[in-house]
Protein backbone atom coordinates (compact mmCIF):
# COMPACT_ATOMS: atom_id res chain seq x y z
CA MET A 1 313.22 29.15 138.24
CA GLY A 2 315.17 31.58 140.24
CA THR A 3 314.02 34.25 142.55
CA ASP A 4 315.30 37.75 142.98
CA PRO A 5 317.94 37.50 145.58
CA VAL A 6 317.58 39.28 148.74
CA ASP A 7 320.22 41.66 149.91
CA ASP A 8 321.56 39.81 153.11
CA ASN A 9 323.12 43.02 154.39
CA GLN A 10 319.71 45.05 154.09
CA SER A 11 317.93 42.09 155.49
CA ASN A 12 320.27 41.91 158.46
CA SER A 13 320.15 45.58 158.87
CA VAL A 14 316.25 45.76 158.78
CA ASN A 15 316.01 42.77 161.31
CA ALA A 16 318.60 44.07 163.45
CA THR A 17 317.10 47.41 164.01
CA PRO A 18 314.71 46.78 167.00
CA SER A 19 311.43 48.76 167.16
CA THR A 20 311.24 50.99 170.13
CA ASP A 21 308.65 53.41 171.38
CA LEU A 22 309.87 57.09 172.43
CA PRO A 23 309.21 57.76 176.15
CA ALA A 24 306.47 60.25 176.70
CA LEU A 25 307.72 63.67 177.70
CA SER A 26 306.96 64.61 181.38
CA PRO A 27 305.22 67.78 181.96
CA LYS A 28 307.05 70.68 183.50
CA PRO A 29 304.49 72.20 185.79
CA ARG A 30 307.08 74.20 187.75
CA ALA A 31 308.24 76.05 184.72
CA THR A 32 304.61 76.65 183.41
CA ASN A 33 303.59 78.05 186.88
CA VAL A 34 306.56 80.52 186.99
CA LYS A 35 305.69 81.61 183.49
CA LEU A 36 301.95 82.15 184.43
CA LEU A 37 303.14 84.08 187.49
CA LEU A 38 305.27 86.42 185.51
CA GLY A 39 302.45 87.00 182.97
CA VAL A 40 300.11 87.97 185.80
CA LEU A 41 302.65 90.26 187.26
CA LEU A 42 303.26 91.91 183.95
CA LEU A 43 299.63 92.28 183.35
CA GLY A 44 299.07 93.69 186.89
CA VAL A 45 302.12 96.22 186.49
CA GLY A 46 300.64 97.38 183.06
CA GLY A 47 297.19 97.69 184.44
CA ALA A 48 298.42 99.73 187.29
CA PHE A 49 300.56 102.02 184.94
CA LEU A 50 297.46 102.42 182.72
CA PHE A 51 295.12 103.42 185.73
CA CYS A 52 297.68 105.88 187.13
CA LEU A 53 298.00 107.36 183.70
CA ILE A 54 294.38 107.86 183.40
CA LEU A 55 294.26 109.46 186.86
CA THR A 56 296.58 112.14 185.83
CA PHE A 57 294.16 113.30 183.39
CA LEU A 58 291.21 113.61 185.68
CA ARG A 59 290.25 116.48 187.99
CA PRO A 60 290.21 115.84 191.76
CA GLY A 61 286.62 115.16 192.91
CA TRP A 62 286.93 118.16 195.18
CA TYR A 63 288.18 120.41 192.47
CA ASP A 64 285.22 122.34 191.28
CA PRO A 65 285.76 126.18 191.01
CA PRO A 66 282.56 127.99 190.83
CA ALA A 67 281.61 130.14 187.88
CA PRO A 68 281.65 133.89 188.22
CA ASN A 69 278.07 134.24 187.47
CA ASP A 70 276.97 131.72 190.12
CA PRO A 71 274.78 133.63 192.48
CA ASP A 72 275.10 131.23 195.37
CA ALA A 73 279.01 131.17 195.01
CA VAL A 74 279.14 134.97 194.90
CA GLN A 75 277.09 135.13 198.00
CA LEU A 76 279.16 132.48 199.85
CA ALA A 77 282.47 134.27 199.00
CA GLU A 78 281.11 137.59 200.34
CA GLN A 79 279.72 135.89 203.41
CA ALA A 80 283.11 134.24 204.01
CA GLU A 81 285.02 137.29 203.74
CA PHE A 82 282.50 139.36 206.03
CA ARG A 83 282.50 136.55 208.62
CA LEU A 84 286.32 136.33 208.69
CA VAL A 85 286.65 140.26 209.18
CA GLU A 86 283.78 140.21 211.93
CA GLU A 87 285.45 137.49 213.85
CA LEU A 88 288.95 139.15 213.76
CA GLN A 89 287.58 142.51 214.74
CA LYS A 90 285.28 141.12 217.58
CA ILE A 91 285.86 142.52 220.99
CA ARG A 92 287.26 139.71 223.21
CA ALA A 93 288.62 139.21 226.50
CA THR A 94 292.37 139.98 226.30
CA GLY A 95 294.49 136.88 225.79
CA GLU A 96 291.46 134.40 225.87
CA PRO A 97 291.84 131.66 223.21
CA TRP A 98 289.07 131.59 220.54
CA ARG A 99 288.54 129.41 217.52
CA LEU A 100 287.39 129.81 213.94
CA ARG A 101 286.28 126.91 211.72
CA ILE A 102 286.80 127.64 207.86
CA PRO A 103 285.41 125.09 205.57
CA ASP A 104 287.03 124.41 202.12
CA LYS A 105 283.86 125.48 200.30
CA ALA A 106 284.02 129.06 201.62
CA VAL A 107 287.74 129.35 201.11
CA ASN A 108 287.49 128.01 197.24
CA ALA A 109 284.51 130.35 196.59
CA TRP A 110 286.49 133.33 197.80
CA LEU A 111 289.73 132.29 195.96
CA ALA A 112 287.87 131.79 192.64
CA LEU A 113 285.71 134.87 192.82
CA ARG A 114 287.39 137.47 194.95
CA LEU A 115 291.27 136.92 195.04
CA GLU A 116 292.13 138.62 191.78
CA ASP A 117 290.00 141.48 192.76
CA TRP A 118 291.64 141.72 196.28
CA LEU A 119 295.03 141.61 194.72
CA ALA A 120 294.33 144.48 192.26
CA HIS A 121 292.56 146.65 195.19
CA ASP A 122 295.34 146.23 197.63
CA ASP A 123 298.08 146.82 194.97
CA HIS A 124 299.45 143.40 195.14
CA PRO A 125 301.05 141.95 192.05
CA PRO A 126 298.67 140.17 189.85
CA TRP A 127 298.12 136.39 189.87
CA PRO A 128 300.48 134.65 187.39
CA ASP A 129 298.52 134.20 184.02
CA PHE A 130 300.08 130.66 183.19
CA ILE A 131 298.12 129.13 186.25
CA THR A 132 294.73 129.46 187.42
CA VAL A 133 293.83 130.72 190.91
CA PRO A 134 294.07 128.08 193.41
CA GLN A 135 291.57 125.85 195.06
CA VAL A 136 292.22 123.99 198.36
CA HIS A 137 291.27 120.80 200.07
CA ALA A 138 292.25 120.20 203.79
CA THR A 139 293.13 116.78 204.87
CA PRO A 140 294.42 115.65 208.35
CA THR A 141 298.00 115.42 206.67
CA GLY A 142 298.18 118.49 204.96
CA ILE A 143 296.33 121.17 202.80
CA ILE A 144 296.22 120.42 198.99
CA VAL A 145 296.74 123.46 196.83
CA ALA A 146 295.69 122.77 193.23
CA VAL A 147 295.78 124.94 190.29
CA GLY A 148 295.05 124.62 186.49
CA LEU A 149 298.12 124.78 184.11
CA VAL A 150 297.25 127.28 181.37
CA LYS A 151 298.75 126.91 177.83
CA HIS A 152 297.21 128.70 174.79
CA GLY A 153 294.27 130.03 176.78
CA ARG A 154 293.02 126.86 178.11
CA VAL A 155 293.62 124.66 181.25
CA THR A 156 295.58 121.59 180.10
CA SER A 157 296.08 119.83 183.43
CA ILE A 158 295.38 120.12 187.12
CA LEU A 159 298.65 120.29 189.33
CA GLY A 160 299.14 120.62 192.97
CA MET A 161 301.15 120.52 196.17
CA LYS A 162 300.32 119.36 199.56
CA VAL A 163 301.57 121.79 202.36
CA LEU A 164 301.43 121.35 206.14
CA PRO A 165 301.33 124.68 208.16
CA THR A 166 303.18 124.54 211.41
CA ILE A 167 303.92 127.49 213.82
CA ILE A 168 307.58 127.74 214.72
CA GLU A 169 308.76 130.62 216.85
CA GLY A 170 305.79 132.84 216.12
CA ASN A 171 305.87 132.25 212.36
CA ILE A 172 303.69 130.09 210.12
CA VAL A 173 305.89 127.68 208.01
CA LEU A 174 304.49 125.85 205.14
CA SER A 175 306.34 122.75 204.48
CA ILE A 176 305.72 120.58 201.18
CA ASN A 177 304.90 116.92 202.00
CA GLY A 178 303.65 115.76 198.62
CA GLY A 179 302.22 116.63 195.31
CA LEU A 180 299.26 116.18 192.84
CA LEU A 181 298.99 115.29 189.28
CA GLY A 182 295.42 115.26 188.23
CA ARG A 183 293.82 112.92 190.72
CA LEU A 184 297.16 111.04 191.33
CA PRO A 185 299.04 111.79 194.45
CA VAL A 186 302.84 112.08 194.05
CA PRO A 187 305.55 112.31 196.36
CA THR A 188 306.60 115.79 195.30
CA PRO A 189 304.94 118.73 193.37
CA PRO A 190 305.20 118.09 189.55
CA SER A 191 308.09 119.74 187.71
CA THR A 192 305.64 121.11 185.21
CA LEU A 193 304.24 123.32 188.05
CA LEU A 194 307.59 124.22 189.81
CA GLU A 195 309.73 125.27 186.78
CA PRO A 196 307.29 127.81 185.49
CA LEU A 197 306.99 129.34 188.92
CA ARG A 198 310.73 129.50 189.55
CA THR A 199 311.28 130.67 185.95
CA ALA A 200 308.72 133.55 186.36
CA ALA A 201 310.18 134.33 189.84
CA GLY A 202 313.60 134.82 188.41
CA GLU A 203 312.21 137.02 185.75
CA GLY A 204 310.87 139.44 188.43
CA ASP A 205 307.20 138.29 188.68
CA ASP A 206 306.43 139.27 192.24
CA ALA A 207 303.34 136.89 192.69
CA SER A 208 305.51 133.94 191.54
CA SER A 209 308.41 135.05 193.83
CA PHE A 210 305.78 135.07 196.75
CA VAL A 211 304.71 131.46 195.99
CA VAL A 212 308.36 130.28 195.56
CA ASP A 213 309.40 131.88 198.88
CA TYR A 214 306.73 130.88 201.06
CA LEU A 215 305.36 127.66 199.61
CA LEU A 216 308.54 126.11 197.87
CA GLU A 217 311.40 127.38 199.92
CA GLY A 218 309.65 127.32 203.25
CA ARG A 219 309.98 130.97 204.40
CA GLY A 220 307.89 131.69 207.39
CA PHE A 221 305.51 134.70 207.80
CA PRO A 222 304.47 136.21 211.14
CA ALA A 223 301.50 134.52 212.80
CA LEU A 224 300.16 138.00 213.71
CA LEU A 225 297.44 140.16 212.22
CA GLU A 226 297.23 143.76 213.05
CA LEU A 227 293.73 145.09 213.32
CA VAL A 228 292.40 148.54 212.44
CA ASP A 229 292.29 149.50 215.91
CA ASP A 230 295.83 148.52 216.56
CA ARG A 231 294.91 145.23 218.47
CA ILE A 232 296.83 142.21 217.59
CA VAL A 233 295.47 138.72 216.55
CA GLU A 234 297.97 136.24 217.28
CA ILE A 235 297.51 132.64 215.78
CA ASP A 236 298.52 129.79 218.24
CA GLY A 237 297.42 126.89 216.21
CA VAL A 238 296.28 125.42 212.87
CA LEU A 239 294.14 122.18 213.14
CA LEU A 240 293.42 120.41 209.77
CA GLY A 241 290.23 118.42 209.35
CA ASP A 242 288.84 116.57 206.55
CA GLY A 243 287.54 119.36 204.41
CA ASP A 244 288.02 122.28 206.89
CA ILE A 245 290.69 124.27 208.77
CA THR A 246 290.20 125.43 212.47
CA ILE A 247 292.47 128.19 213.82
CA THR A 248 293.24 128.98 217.32
CA ALA A 249 294.05 132.51 218.29
CA ARG A 250 294.09 135.18 220.96
CA THR A 251 293.40 138.88 220.71
CA LEU A 252 295.92 141.11 222.43
CA PRO A 253 295.85 144.88 223.17
CA PRO A 254 297.74 147.27 220.97
CA PRO A 255 301.48 147.35 221.75
CA GLY A 256 302.50 149.50 224.62
CA SER A 257 299.14 149.81 226.01
């Protein structure tokens, strides 16, 4: 009896093919570590960006304008104004230096509750209607001046600039050394604050022109105050603390006396 013949070529081919195991792939820890590091960096950058974005929508912790019907704030604003006038008018030894410390809280109460009335009483131009009256916070590196940007009757954001007062040749010069967007410090004042001010100044708004001239353009104003009895108070220095301003001044006799 015959058997099915076997294909010799197929048999040889099968037999000739050696059985081999594929070598195991060696891990690449270096490439994995690089990818992990890049992932961590991207997460860090994204987290920092999100954190900064959130800060721009928050009010600074010190920014808390008092309400017009707050009796304590009203009293503080009146006391601050009275104290300042009293200290300026006080009879002193001619040319003897004296100091006056002014805390932020008193300044902000006066700005929030008395500034607009003072402007109207003294026939100054009214405060621009597209920003709120300012609030300030003194730091050793400058005074932060913050306002609320008003759109459609409501405050949409808190913007600010940091100014450093210096006395140069008898003039007080305010130089800008930073800005503020919400709670986020920025290198320069936000354009959303600067552009409306410059536009309003170009359209003839006197208050905006004042802000542009003395805060943005660095124009100086005399470090002298003339009193009702013609005496002169000359400001010699401005010392910035954390939450207060201290001025050093001298009271001089009337010119020609």
